[in-house]
Amino acid sequence: MRELVIFFLVKIRKLILRLKKHRKMKDIMTVYYMEAKSARVARKKVAWITSGGPVEPLIAMDIMPVYPENHGAMIGASKMGAKFCEIAEEMSYSNDLCSYARADIACATVNGGPIGGLPRPDMLVCCNNICGTVLKWYEAQARYFNVPLFILDTPFCHTSFDEGVRRYVRRQLDEYIVFLEGITGKKMSATKMAHVGRLSLAGQKLWRDVLETTTHRPAPMSAFDAFYHLALIVTLRGTKEVVEYYEDILTEMKHRVANGIGAIPNERYRLLWDNLPIWHNVRWLSRKFASHDACLVADTYTSAWCGAIKYINEDNFLDSMAEAYTRIYLNIGVDEMARMVLAMVDKYGADGIVMHSNRSCKPYSFGQYDIKRIVELKRGIPVLLLESDMIDERTFSRAQAETRIDAFMEIIKGRG
């Protein structure tokens, strides 16, 4: 048995080393999931963590972070969302529950999905800065796998972030580290944590710079491209692989800008996207808008992973994490969200906004009508709401979406 394990490890490591020579997204994510799947054999701990959770301490303690939400996006893109949502509903989970949660809960029972399920977790880490659903979702999974759960509570920031909130969240980060030390049986290295923090900030800055290349006309990439390239800043934030990958992407985008190469052949109209992608129809939506010479040049979703840069202190990353992880886009009031959207309209020269009214993500969708009203009043540009769900394709009608997009684009074209 021991010989088989050694043979397996040698084969895995050879393949990982071969793939690491390339910095293509597919290769990096293949390595990532291979390492996650073989973590137990390599005597590494696995932590399932929410997409808005503080991953840097996990990286610093050599714990493998795994993201059920990222897995959910893969399920949606593979058009498997309805299947797993139905399984969860047969388990008595309501179809009003977040489809990421339903798909994750269902997949855990059958080891299903595009990669054959996620590796069994040794712990779960949940941060409620993205929504309240994750609390019960992760509690359910902690019971199912019988593993410990850490919850980081970030108070909602309607308009401001005061010193009391800072102290409250900062104390929890200390508790988080104690939690990880208790499970791993080793102390966290302050030096390594500082190093991971610097890599995290460097990756976020590069991701911001990549996104901001679309201020140029024509935009060298679209929001649909950003949805694809986002994976690394979510899953491997705090590693050198992220920094190297986005350095390469930034170089490519600058080359495209310098040579006037656009994401679509004939960019005439510039749009913003709000909310999560409709993963099961990303390609169709991309082609549909391109057929109208419209490029979605920016979005509120992918920019959320670099929006907290201004709150991070590179020389004191651990302390500044409290504010950075609390003041993210989904944890602020609607008025604050509207101000950020207005700033993006101005920055990217948007002719209109496409809002995905996402049946699953209530915190992201409930304020959209208010933001729509504010944008139309203050900037006078049209706003389209598309009703769907991020991975449950049963909610989406291409015919209806096509009619609404065509009508929306006619309004924009009619404005001259």
Protein backbone atom coordinates (compact mmCIF):
# COMPACT_ATOMS: atom_id res chain seq x y z
CA MET A 1 0.00 0.00 0.00
CA ARG A 2 2.81 2.38 0.94
CA GLU A 3 4.51 1.70 -2.41
CA LEU A 4 1.29 2.52 -4.26
CA VAL A 5 0.96 5.82 -2.42
CA ILE A 6 4.57 6.75 -3.22
CA PHE A 7 4.07 5.80 -6.88
CA PHE A 8 0.90 7.91 -7.00
CA LEU A 9 2.66 10.91 -5.44
CA VAL A 10 5.61 10.69 -7.86
CA LYS A 11 3.25 10.56 -10.87
CA ILE A 12 1.19 13.48 -9.60
CA ARG A 13 4.26 15.62 -8.86
CA LYS A 14 5.77 14.95 -12.29
CA LEU A 15 2.57 15.99 -14.00
CA ILE A 16 2.23 19.08 -11.78
CA LEU A 17 5.81 20.16 -12.51
CA ARG A 18 5.23 19.69 -16.24
CA LEU A 19 2.06 21.79 -16.17
CA LYS A 20 3.64 24.50 -14.02
CA LYS A 21 5.99 25.31 -16.88
CA HIS A 22 2.99 26.91 -18.61
CA ARG A 23 0.99 29.80 -17.25
CA LYS A 24 -2.23 29.24 -19.13
CA MET A 25 -5.36 29.36 -17.01
CA LYS A 26 -6.35 25.79 -17.81
CA ASP A 27 -2.95 24.43 -16.78
CA ILE A 28 -2.86 26.42 -13.53
CA MET A 29 -6.36 25.35 -12.53
CA THR A 30 -5.59 21.75 -13.47
CA VAL A 31 -2.59 21.83 -11.13
CA TYR A 32 -4.68 23.49 -8.43
CA TYR A 33 -7.40 20.84 -8.48
CA MET A 34 -4.88 18.00 -8.74
CA GLU A 35 -3.09 19.30 -5.66
CA ALA A 36 -6.41 19.71 -3.86
CA LYS A 37 -7.51 16.18 -4.76
CA SER A 38 -4.19 14.70 -3.66
CA ALA A 39 -3.83 16.88 -0.54
CA ARG A 40 -4.66 14.07 1.87
CA VAL A 41 -2.02 11.82 0.32
CA ALA A 42 0.50 14.68 0.58
CA ARG A 43 -0.52 15.22 4.25
CA LYS A 44 -1.95 18.66 3.60
CA LYS A 45 -5.14 20.01 5.16
CA VAL A 46 -8.02 21.14 2.95
CA ALA A 47 -10.28 24.07 3.84
CA TRP A 48 -13.49 24.91 2.04
CA ILE A 49 -13.83 28.70 2.11
CA THR A 50 -16.35 31.24 0.86
CA SER A 51 -15.30 33.42 -2.09
CA GLY A 52 -15.15 36.54 0.08
CA GLY A 53 -13.29 34.84 2.91
CA PRO A 54 -9.75 35.67 4.09
CA VAL A 55 -7.68 33.09 2.26
CA GLU A 56 -4.23 34.53 3.03
CA PRO A 57 -3.86 32.85 6.45
CA LEU A 58 -4.67 29.50 4.82
CA ILE A 59 -1.96 30.04 2.20
CA ALA A 60 0.49 31.13 4.91
CA MET A 61 -0.16 27.91 6.86
CA ASP A 62 0.10 25.66 3.79
CA ILE A 63 -3.59 24.73 3.92
CA MET A 64 -5.24 24.02 0.57
CA PRO A 65 -8.15 26.44 -0.03
CA VAL A 66 -11.10 25.11 -2.02
CA TYR A 67 -14.04 27.24 -3.14
CA PRO A 68 -17.48 25.65 -3.49
CA GLU A 69 -18.68 28.83 -5.25
CA ASN A 70 -15.95 28.53 -7.87
CA HIS A 71 -16.95 24.90 -8.30
CA GLY A 72 -20.54 26.10 -8.68
CA ALA A 73 -19.49 28.41 -11.52
CA MET A 74 -17.83 25.44 -13.24
CA ILE A 75 -21.04 23.44 -12.82
CA GLY A 76 -23.01 26.29 -14.39
CA ALA A 77 -20.59 26.70 -17.30
CA SER A 78 -20.83 22.95 -17.90
CA LYS A 79 -24.65 23.24 -17.99
CA MET A 80 -25.01 20.85 -15.06
CA GLY A 81 -26.64 23.36 -12.72
CA ALA A 82 -30.26 22.28 -13.20
CA LYS A 83 -29.36 18.63 -12.59
CA PHE A 84 -27.74 19.27 -9.21
CA CYS A 85 -30.28 21.86 -8.16
CA GLU A 86 -32.98 19.25 -8.77
CA ILE A 87 -31.09 16.72 -6.62
CA ALA A 88 -30.93 19.27 -3.79
CA GLU A 89 -34.63 20.00 -4.18
CA GLU A 90 -35.35 16.26 -3.89
CA MET A 91 -33.42 16.46 -0.59
CA SER A 92 -36.03 19.06 0.51
CA TYR A 93 -33.93 22.16 -0.10
CA SER A 94 -36.08 24.99 -1.48
CA ASN A 95 -35.54 26.15 -5.05
CA ASP A 96 -35.46 29.67 -3.60
CA LEU A 97 -32.11 28.83 -2.03
CA CYS A 98 -28.91 30.02 -3.75
CA SER A 99 -28.12 27.70 -6.65
CA TYR A 100 -24.42 27.59 -5.68
CA ALA A 101 -25.50 26.21 -2.29
CA ARG A 102 -27.93 23.72 -3.82
CA ALA A 103 -25.38 22.47 -6.34
CA ASP A 104 -22.65 22.17 -3.71
CA ILE A 105 -24.86 20.31 -1.24
CA ALA A 106 -26.03 17.93 -3.97
CA CYS A 107 -22.53 17.34 -5.38
CA ALA A 108 -21.19 16.42 -1.95
CA THR A 109 -23.57 13.47 -1.77
CA VAL A 110 -22.63 11.98 -5.15
CA ASN A 111 -19.10 13.31 -5.83
CA GLY A 112 -20.50 14.81 -9.01
CA GLY A 113 -19.82 17.76 -11.24
CA PRO A 114 -17.32 18.52 -14.00
CA ILE A 115 -14.32 17.45 -11.87
CA GLY A 116 -15.94 14.60 -9.99
CA GLY A 117 -16.65 16.52 -6.82
CA LEU A 118 -14.46 18.48 -4.42
CA PRO A 119 -11.91 16.92 -2.06
CA ARG A 120 -13.24 16.18 1.41
CA PRO A 121 -12.62 19.18 3.70
CA ASP A 122 -10.76 19.09 7.02
CA MET A 123 -12.42 22.38 7.99
CA LEU A 124 -14.79 25.02 6.67
CA VAL A 125 -14.20 28.79 6.74
CA CYS A 126 -17.20 31.03 6.22
CA CYS A 127 -17.28 34.84 5.95
CA ASN A 128 -20.67 36.55 5.74
CA ASN A 129 -19.40 39.62 3.85
CA ILE A 130 -21.05 38.30 0.67
CA CYS A 131 -24.40 37.11 2.01
CA GLY A 132 -26.20 35.45 4.91
CA THR A 133 -26.94 32.24 3.00
CA VAL A 134 -23.37 31.03 3.40
CA LEU A 135 -23.88 30.71 7.17
CA LYS A 136 -26.53 27.98 6.94
CA TRP A 137 -24.96 26.48 3.81
CA TYR A 138 -21.61 25.96 5.56
CA GLU A 139 -23.29 24.80 8.76
CA ALA A 140 -25.07 22.11 6.70
CA GLN A 141 -21.80 21.01 5.09
CA ALA A 142 -19.93 21.04 8.41
CA ARG A 143 -22.55 18.64 9.80
CA TYR A 144 -22.43 16.47 6.69
CA PHE A 145 -18.63 16.08 6.75
CA ASN A 146 -18.40 16.30 10.56
CA VAL A 147 -15.62 18.89 10.45
CA PRO A 148 -15.05 22.16 12.38
CA LEU A 149 -16.43 25.43 11.03
CA PHE A 150 -15.06 28.94 11.57
CA ILE A 151 -17.38 31.88 10.91
CA LEU A 152 -15.96 35.38 10.40
CA ASP A 153 -18.68 37.95 11.06
CA THR A 154 -18.28 41.25 9.18
CA PRO A 155 -20.88 43.88 10.16
CA PHE A 156 -22.76 45.48 7.27
CA CYS A 157 -21.30 48.88 6.34
CA HIS A 158 -24.26 51.02 5.28
CA THR A 159 -22.22 54.22 4.92
CA SER A 160 -19.06 53.99 7.00
CA PHE A 161 -16.54 51.81 8.82
CA ASP A 162 -15.80 52.88 12.39
CA GLU A 163 -13.13 51.95 14.90
CA GLY A 164 -15.46 49.65 16.84
CA VAL A 165 -16.07 47.54 13.74
CA ARG A 166 -12.34 47.44 13.04
CA ARG A 167 -11.56 46.11 16.53
CA TYR A 168 -14.42 43.60 16.36
CA VAL A 169 -13.29 42.06 13.06
CA ARG A 170 -9.60 42.25 13.95
CA ARG A 171 -10.16 40.20 17.13
CA GLN A 172 -11.89 37.56 15.04
CA LEU A 173 -8.87 37.33 12.74
CA ASP A 174 -6.78 36.42 15.80
CA GLU A 175 -9.39 33.76 16.66
CA TYR A 176 -9.20 32.54 13.06
CA ILE A 177 -5.45 32.02 13.32
CA VAL A 178 -5.85 30.17 16.64
CA PHE A 179 -8.49 27.99 14.96
CA LEU A 180 -6.09 27.12 12.10
CA GLU A 181 -3.20 26.50 14.49
CA GLY A 182 -5.36 24.13 16.53
CA ILE A 183 -6.27 22.06 13.47
CA THR A 184 -2.79 21.98 11.91
CA GLY A 185 -0.88 21.64 15.17
CA LYS A 186 1.62 24.33 14.17
CA LYS A 187 2.08 28.05 14.76
CA MET A 188 1.64 30.61 12.05
CA SER A 189 4.83 32.30 10.86
CA ALA A 190 4.48 36.09 10.97
CA THR A 191 7.17 36.34 8.30
CA LYS A 192 5.33 34.00 5.95
CA MET A 193 2.02 35.75 6.61
CA ALA A 194 3.61 39.09 5.69
CA HIS A 195 5.05 37.56 2.50
CA VAL A 196 1.69 36.09 1.49
CA GLY A 197 0.07 39.46 2.22
CA ARG A 198 2.45 41.25 -0.13
CA LEU A 199 1.80 38.69 -2.88
CA SER A 200 -1.94 39.07 -2.33
CA LEU A 201 -1.79 42.84 -2.67
CA ALA A 202 0.49 42.60 -5.72
CA GLY A 203 -1.96 40.20 -7.37
CA GLN A 204 -4.91 42.47 -6.62
CA LYS A 205 -3.10 45.50 -8.05
CA LEU A 206 -2.24 43.62 -11.22
CA TRP A 207 -5.84 42.41 -11.55
CA ARG A 208 -7.02 46.03 -11.19
CA ASP A 209 -4.56 47.13 -13.87
CA VAL A 210 -5.77 44.37 -16.20
CA LEU A 211 -9.39 45.44 -15.74
CA GLU A 212 -8.54 49.10 -16.26
CA THR A 213 -7.04 48.47 -19.69
CA THR A 214 -10.64 48.49 -20.92
CA THR A 215 -10.83 52.26 -20.38
CA HIS A 216 -9.17 52.37 -23.80
CA ARG A 217 -11.16 52.36 -27.05
CA PRO A 218 -11.47 49.76 -28.37
CA ALA A 219 -11.39 47.74 -25.16
CA PRO A 220 -8.73 44.99 -25.42
CA MET A 221 -10.95 42.57 -23.50
CA SER A 222 -14.55 42.36 -22.33
CA ALA A 223 -16.27 41.57 -19.05
CA PHE A 224 -16.87 38.08 -20.44
CA ASP A 225 -13.08 37.65 -20.72
CA ALA A 226 -12.72 39.01 -17.18
CA PHE A 227 -15.15 36.36 -15.89
CA TYR A 228 -12.73 33.73 -17.20
CA HIS A 229 -9.51 35.33 -15.95
CA LEU A 230 -11.05 36.02 -12.51
CA ALA A 231 -10.55 32.43 -11.31
CA LEU A 232 -6.99 32.90 -10.05
CA ILE A 233 -7.52 36.04 -7.98
CA VAL A 234 -10.29 34.15 -6.19
CA THR A 235 -8.73 30.72 -5.72
CA LEU A 236 -4.98 31.40 -5.36
CA ARG A 237 -4.76 34.95 -4.07
CA GLY A 238 -1.52 35.32 -2.12
CA THR A 239 0.64 33.11 -4.36
CA LYS A 240 3.34 33.93 -6.88
CA GLU A 241 1.41 32.04 -9.59
CA VAL A 242 -1.28 34.72 -9.50
CA VAL A 243 1.24 37.55 -9.76
CA GLU A 244 3.03 35.89 -12.70
CA TYR A 245 -0.20 35.07 -14.51
CA TYR A 246 -1.61 38.60 -14.30
CA GLU A 247 1.75 40.09 -15.28
CA ASP A 248 1.49 38.05 -18.48
CA ILE A 249 -2.15 39.04 -19.06
CA LEU A 250 -1.38 42.71 -18.44
CA THR A 251 1.48 42.59 -20.95
CA GLU A 252 -0.86 41.04 -23.50
CA MET A 253 -3.56 43.67 -22.87
CA LYS A 254 -1.05 46.51 -23.25
CA HIS A 255 0.08 45.02 -26.54
CA ARG A 256 -3.52 44.89 -27.73
CA VAL A 257 -4.09 48.51 -26.67
CA ALA A 258 -0.93 49.68 -28.45
CA ASN A 259 -2.03 47.94 -31.65
CA GLY A 260 -5.68 48.98 -31.49
CA ILE A 261 -6.89 45.39 -31.11
CA GLY A 262 -10.38 45.23 -29.61
CA ALA A 263 -12.25 42.44 -27.84
CA ILE A 264 -14.91 42.66 -30.54
CA PRO A 265 -14.32 43.54 -34.22
CA ASN A 266 -16.38 46.75 -34.35
CA GLU A 267 -16.74 48.36 -30.96
CA ARG A 268 -19.30 51.19 -31.16
CA TYR A 269 -21.15 50.89 -27.85
CA ARG A 270 -19.74 50.40 -24.37
CA LEU A 271 -21.75 48.70 -21.63
CA LEU A 272 -21.35 47.76 -17.97
CA TRP A 273 -22.48 44.47 -16.42
CA ASP A 274 -23.87 44.19 -12.88
CA ASN A 275 -24.10 41.01 -10.76
CA LEU A 276 -22.71 37.52 -11.24
CA PRO A 277 -22.39 36.08 -14.75
CA ILE A 278 -25.09 33.86 -16.22
CA TRP A 279 -22.57 31.05 -16.37
CA HIS A 280 -24.64 28.69 -18.51
CA ASN A 281 -25.02 31.28 -21.29
CA VAL A 282 -21.85 33.41 -21.11
CA ARG A 283 -20.75 32.56 -24.65
CA TRP A 284 -24.18 33.19 -26.16
CA LEU A 285 -24.51 36.56 -24.38
CA SER A 286 -21.03 37.57 -25.49
CA ARG A 287 -21.87 36.85 -29.12
CA LYS A 288 -25.28 38.47 -28.85
CA PHE A 289 -23.94 41.81 -27.63
CA ALA A 290 -21.05 41.66 -30.10
CA SER A 291 -23.60 41.27 -32.93
CA HIS A 292 -24.77 44.78 -31.96
CA ASP A 293 -21.15 46.08 -31.92
CA ALA A 294 -21.49 46.37 -28.14
CA CYS A 295 -18.69 45.50 -25.74
CA LEU A 296 -19.28 44.98 -22.03
CA VAL A 297 -16.15 46.79 -20.93
CA ALA A 298 -16.46 46.48 -17.14
CA ASP A 299 -18.54 44.89 -14.39
CA THR A 300 -19.16 45.18 -10.68
CA TYR A 301 -18.46 41.49 -10.05
CA THR A 302 -14.84 40.99 -11.14
CA SER A 303 -13.79 44.41 -9.82
CA ALA A 304 -14.87 43.33 -6.32
CA TRP A 305 -11.59 41.40 -5.99
CA CYS A 306 -9.51 44.56 -6.23
CA GLY A 307 -11.91 47.11 -4.72
CA ALA A 308 -10.40 46.88 -1.24
CA ILE A 309 -6.84 47.73 -2.28
CA LYS A 310 -7.14 51.24 -0.81
CA TYR A 311 -7.77 49.76 2.64
CA ILE A 312 -4.74 47.43 2.67
CA ASN A 313 -1.48 48.38 4.36
CA GLU A 314 1.29 46.39 2.69
CA ASP A 315 3.50 46.67 5.79
CA ASN A 316 0.71 45.55 8.13
CA PHE A 317 -1.45 43.27 6.03
CA LEU A 318 -2.95 41.25 8.89
CA ASP A 319 -4.30 44.31 10.70
CA SER A 320 -5.60 45.98 7.55
CA MET A 321 -7.41 42.80 6.50
CA ALA A 322 -10.20 43.68 8.94
CA GLU A 323 -11.26 46.72 6.92
CA ALA A 324 -10.45 45.24 3.52
CA TYR A 325 -12.63 42.17 4.04
CA THR A 326 -15.47 44.15 5.59
CA ARG A 327 -15.80 46.94 3.03
CA ILE A 328 -16.34 44.84 -0.07
CA TYR A 329 -19.00 45.63 -2.68
CA LEU A 330 -21.71 43.31 -1.36
CA ASN A 331 -21.29 44.45 2.24
CA ILE A 332 -22.12 48.13 1.69
CA GLY A 333 -25.38 50.07 1.36
CA VAL A 334 -27.28 50.63 -1.88
CA ASP A 335 -26.37 54.33 -1.97
CA GLU A 336 -22.69 53.39 -1.75
CA MET A 337 -23.16 50.82 -4.50
CA ALA A 338 -24.87 53.41 -6.70
CA ARG A 339 -21.96 55.81 -6.22
CA MET A 340 -19.53 53.11 -7.30
CA VAL A 341 -21.62 52.27 -10.38
CA LEU A 342 -21.83 55.95 -11.34
CA ALA A 343 -18.05 56.22 -11.01
CA MET A 344 -17.66 53.21 -13.32
CA VAL A 345 -20.05 54.75 -15.87
CA ASP A 346 -17.83 57.83 -15.99
CA LYS A 347 -14.53 55.96 -15.93
CA TYR A 348 -15.36 53.54 -18.74
CA GLY A 349 -17.56 55.85 -20.81
CA ALA A 350 -20.55 53.52 -20.64
CA ASP A 351 -23.51 53.98 -22.97
CA GLY A 352 -25.73 51.70 -20.90
CA ILE A 353 -25.85 49.11 -18.12
CA VAL A 354 -26.95 45.47 -18.20
CA MET A 355 -28.13 44.22 -14.81
CA HIS A 356 -28.48 40.50 -14.19
CA SER A 357 -31.44 40.24 -11.83
CA ASN A 358 -30.10 37.07 -10.26
CA ARG A 359 -32.73 34.82 -8.69
CA SER A 360 -30.09 33.22 -6.47
CA CYS A 361 -28.10 36.19 -5.20
CA LYS A 362 -30.53 38.32 -3.21
CA PRO A 363 -27.98 40.76 -1.69
CA TYR A 364 -26.69 41.53 -5.17
CA SER A 365 -30.12 41.87 -6.78
CA PHE A 366 -32.47 43.51 -4.27
CA GLY A 367 -31.03 47.00 -4.68
CA GLN A 368 -30.82 46.95 -8.46
CA TYR A 369 -34.05 48.85 -9.09
CA ASP A 370 -32.84 51.67 -6.82
CA ILE A 371 -29.45 51.74 -8.56
CA LYS A 372 -31.20 51.67 -11.94
CA ARG A 373 -33.32 54.68 -10.98
CA ILE A 374 -30.29 56.60 -9.68
CA VAL A 375 -28.19 55.88 -12.79
CA GLU A 376 -30.99 56.83 -15.19
CA LEU A 377 -31.64 60.04 -13.25
CA LYS A 378 -28.02 61.15 -12.81
CA ARG A 379 -26.42 59.90 -16.04
CA GLY A 380 -29.40 59.57 -18.37
CA ILE A 381 -28.30 56.25 -19.82
CA PRO A 382 -30.59 53.21 -20.31
CA VAL A 383 -30.48 50.20 -18.01
CA LEU A 384 -31.55 46.67 -18.96
CA LEU A 385 -32.58 44.05 -16.38
CA LEU A 386 -32.20 40.42 -17.45
CA GLU A 387 -33.89 37.92 -15.14
CA SER A 388 -32.07 34.62 -14.69
CA ASP A 389 -29.94 32.59 -12.28
CA MET A 390 -26.19 32.19 -12.24
CA ILE A 391 -26.14 28.39 -12.74
CA ASP A 392 -29.72 27.07 -12.83
CA GLU A 393 -30.47 27.17 -16.56
CA ARG A 394 -34.16 26.39 -15.95
CA THR A 395 -34.64 30.10 -15.21
CA PHE A 396 -33.32 31.40 -18.54
CA SER A 397 -35.17 31.94 -21.81
CA ARG A 398 -32.92 32.77 -24.75
CA ALA A 399 -35.85 33.95 -26.84
CA GLN A 400 -36.99 36.39 -24.15
CA ALA A 401 -33.44 37.57 -23.46
CA GLU A 402 -32.78 38.09 -27.17
CA THR A 403 -35.92 40.22 -27.59
CA ARG A 404 -35.03 42.38 -24.60
CA ILE A 405 -31.38 42.82 -25.65
CA ASP A 406 -32.43 43.79 -29.19
CA ALA A 407 -34.89 46.38 -27.85
CA PHE A 408 -32.31 47.73 -25.38
CA MET A 409 -29.69 48.13 -28.09
CA GLU A 410 -32.18 49.90 -30.35
CA ILE A 411 -32.70 52.47 -27.59
CA ILE A 412 -28.94 53.01 -27.32
CA LYS A 413 -28.50 53.26 -31.09
CA GLY A 414 -31.36 55.71 -31.29
CA ARG A 415 -29.56 58.03 -28.91
CA GLY A 416 -26.93 58.63 -31.58
